[in-house]
Structures are given as structure tokens and as C-alpha cells.
Amino acid sequence: SKDSNMVKIELLDKPKYDSSIAIKITNWGTYIPEKELHRIFERYYRATNVRGDRHGIGLGLHIVKKVMELYAGWVEVESDISGETSFIIVFPNKFFSFCNNR
């Protein structure tokens, strides 16, 4: 359903994230074309299917990526034609060990 207000947040427990803490945020709205997924974290990039359609200048996801890099983590994205889009933010366990020792 386009432009849904529902958001799902999950803590992932997958072998891929064994030495990390992974949080998955999913919403149901606008599909991000597969050929553009690798570009959406670029500064000022906006997917072709939302240009002129939505407010924004293409900085939000770039900032998320840079913040995650500061924590030695990363961000991933998944999107399908139904409009289900998920962002997975991954923090290394060493980050939480550092925080607990302060």
C-alpha cells in the first residue's frame, strides 16, 4: 500500500550479523528501483521515481551512512516492487563494549 504509515522495527538475529547488533527498519511505501539502490546513499542523490514528487534534497540517507561509519558500522537497504523497503543499520559489538566501559 503506497505511503503507508506503518513502520516495523526488528532486532536481527542472523549468522550474517553474529559479531554485530543489527536493527532493521521496514516501511511500506515507495519502491526504490533495484538499479538505483547502490546510489541512494550518495550525497544529494534522489531516486528517479521520487524526484519532484516528495520534499527533500537527498541528504538524509547520506548522513545515516556517514554516522554509521563513525561508529565503525554500516547500513544496508532492501526494496521490492510491492513498496516494502528495509534499512538495516549494523553496529559492531566492539562499539557497545566501548560504550559500557566508559
Protein backbone atom coordinates (compact mmCIF):
# COMPACT_ATOMS: atom_id res chain seq x y z
CA SER A 1 0.00 0.00 0.00
CA LYS A 2 1.56 3.26 -1.14
CA ASP A 3 2.54 5.78 1.55
CA SER A 4 1.65 3.56 4.49
CA ASN A 5 2.27 5.00 7.96
CA MET A 6 3.21 1.60 9.37
CA VAL A 7 6.85 1.06 10.36
CA LYS A 8 8.28 -2.21 11.69
CA ILE A 9 11.48 -2.31 13.77
CA GLU A 10 13.30 -5.58 14.41
CA LEU A 11 16.49 -6.69 16.12
CA LEU A 12 18.06 -9.20 13.72
CA ASP A 13 19.50 -12.46 14.93
CA LYS A 14 21.13 -13.89 11.82
CA PRO A 15 24.53 -15.55 11.40
CA LYS A 16 25.47 -12.76 8.99
CA TYR A 17 25.39 -10.35 11.94
CA ASP A 18 26.97 -12.63 14.56
CA SER A 19 29.55 -10.14 15.80
CA SER A 20 27.23 -7.16 15.44
CA ILE A 21 23.98 -5.61 16.55
CA ALA A 22 21.65 -5.22 13.54
CA ILE A 23 18.42 -3.23 13.60
CA LYS A 24 16.02 -3.50 10.66
CA ILE A 25 13.54 -0.69 9.98
CA THR A 26 10.85 -1.52 7.40
CA ASN A 27 8.08 0.55 5.88
CA TRP A 28 5.61 0.07 3.06
CA GLY A 29 5.56 2.94 0.63
CA THR A 30 7.59 3.85 -2.41
CA TYR A 31 9.70 1.22 -4.14
CA ILE A 32 13.37 2.07 -4.74
CA PRO A 33 14.37 0.75 -8.18
CA GLU A 34 16.99 -2.01 -7.89
CA LYS A 35 19.32 -0.28 -10.35
CA GLU A 36 19.40 2.76 -8.03
CA LEU A 37 19.89 1.02 -4.66
CA HIS A 38 23.68 1.38 -4.81
CA ARG A 39 23.34 5.16 -5.28
CA ILE A 40 20.81 6.17 -2.63
CA PHE A 41 23.49 6.85 -0.01
CA GLU A 42 25.27 9.36 -2.25
CA ARG A 43 25.07 12.99 -1.18
CA TYR A 44 22.17 14.80 -2.92
CA TYR A 45 21.03 11.66 -4.79
CA ARG A 46 17.27 11.14 -5.12
CA ALA A 47 15.78 8.11 -6.81
CA THR A 48 14.23 8.87 -10.18
CA ASN A 49 10.76 7.75 -9.09
CA VAL A 50 10.52 10.40 -6.33
CA ARG A 51 12.17 13.44 -7.90
CA GLY A 52 9.75 16.33 -7.84
CA ASP A 53 7.24 14.10 -6.06
CA ARG A 54 8.47 14.43 -2.49
CA HIS A 55 10.22 17.01 -0.39
CA GLY A 56 13.90 16.57 0.32
CA ILE A 57 17.29 17.22 -1.16
CA GLY A 58 18.91 13.81 -0.86
CA LEU A 59 20.95 14.26 2.31
CA GLY A 60 19.17 12.04 4.85
CA LEU A 61 20.49 8.64 3.81
CA HIS A 62 23.93 10.07 3.13
CA ILE A 63 24.03 11.37 6.72
CA VAL A 64 22.87 7.99 8.07
CA LYS A 65 25.70 6.27 6.18
CA LYS A 66 28.32 8.72 7.47
CA VAL A 67 27.11 8.43 11.08
CA MET A 68 27.22 4.63 10.89
CA GLU A 69 30.78 4.83 9.52
CA LEU A 70 31.75 6.95 12.55
CA TYR A 71 30.64 4.03 14.72
CA ALA A 72 32.55 1.55 12.51
CA GLY A 73 29.19 0.22 11.33
CA TRP A 74 27.27 0.26 8.09
CA VAL A 75 23.80 0.49 6.61
CA GLU A 76 22.11 -1.82 4.09
CA VAL A 77 18.93 -1.42 2.06
CA GLU A 78 16.39 -3.84 0.58
CA SER A 79 13.39 -2.81 -1.51
CA ASP A 80 10.88 -4.77 -3.55
CA ILE A 81 8.33 -3.86 -6.17
CA SER A 82 5.48 -4.01 -3.63
CA GLY A 83 6.97 -0.96 -1.90
CA GLU A 84 8.34 -2.80 1.11
CA THR A 85 11.66 -1.13 1.89
CA SER A 86 14.00 -2.03 4.74
CA PHE A 87 17.09 -0.32 6.07
CA ILE A 88 19.40 -2.37 8.26
CA ILE A 89 21.80 -0.47 10.49
CA VAL A 90 24.65 -2.57 11.81
CA PHE A 91 26.79 -1.69 14.82
CA PRO A 92 29.83 -3.83 15.60
CA ASN A 93 29.77 -5.40 19.09
CA LYS A 94 33.03 -3.61 19.88
CA PHE A 95 31.11 -0.32 19.77
CA PHE A 96 28.83 -1.44 22.62
CA SER A 97 31.78 -2.79 24.61
CA PHE A 98 33.41 0.62 24.31
CA CYS A 99 30.22 2.39 25.49
CA ASN A 100 29.83 0.10 28.51
CA ASN A 101 33.42 0.70 29.63
CA ARG A 102 33.03 4.49 29.80
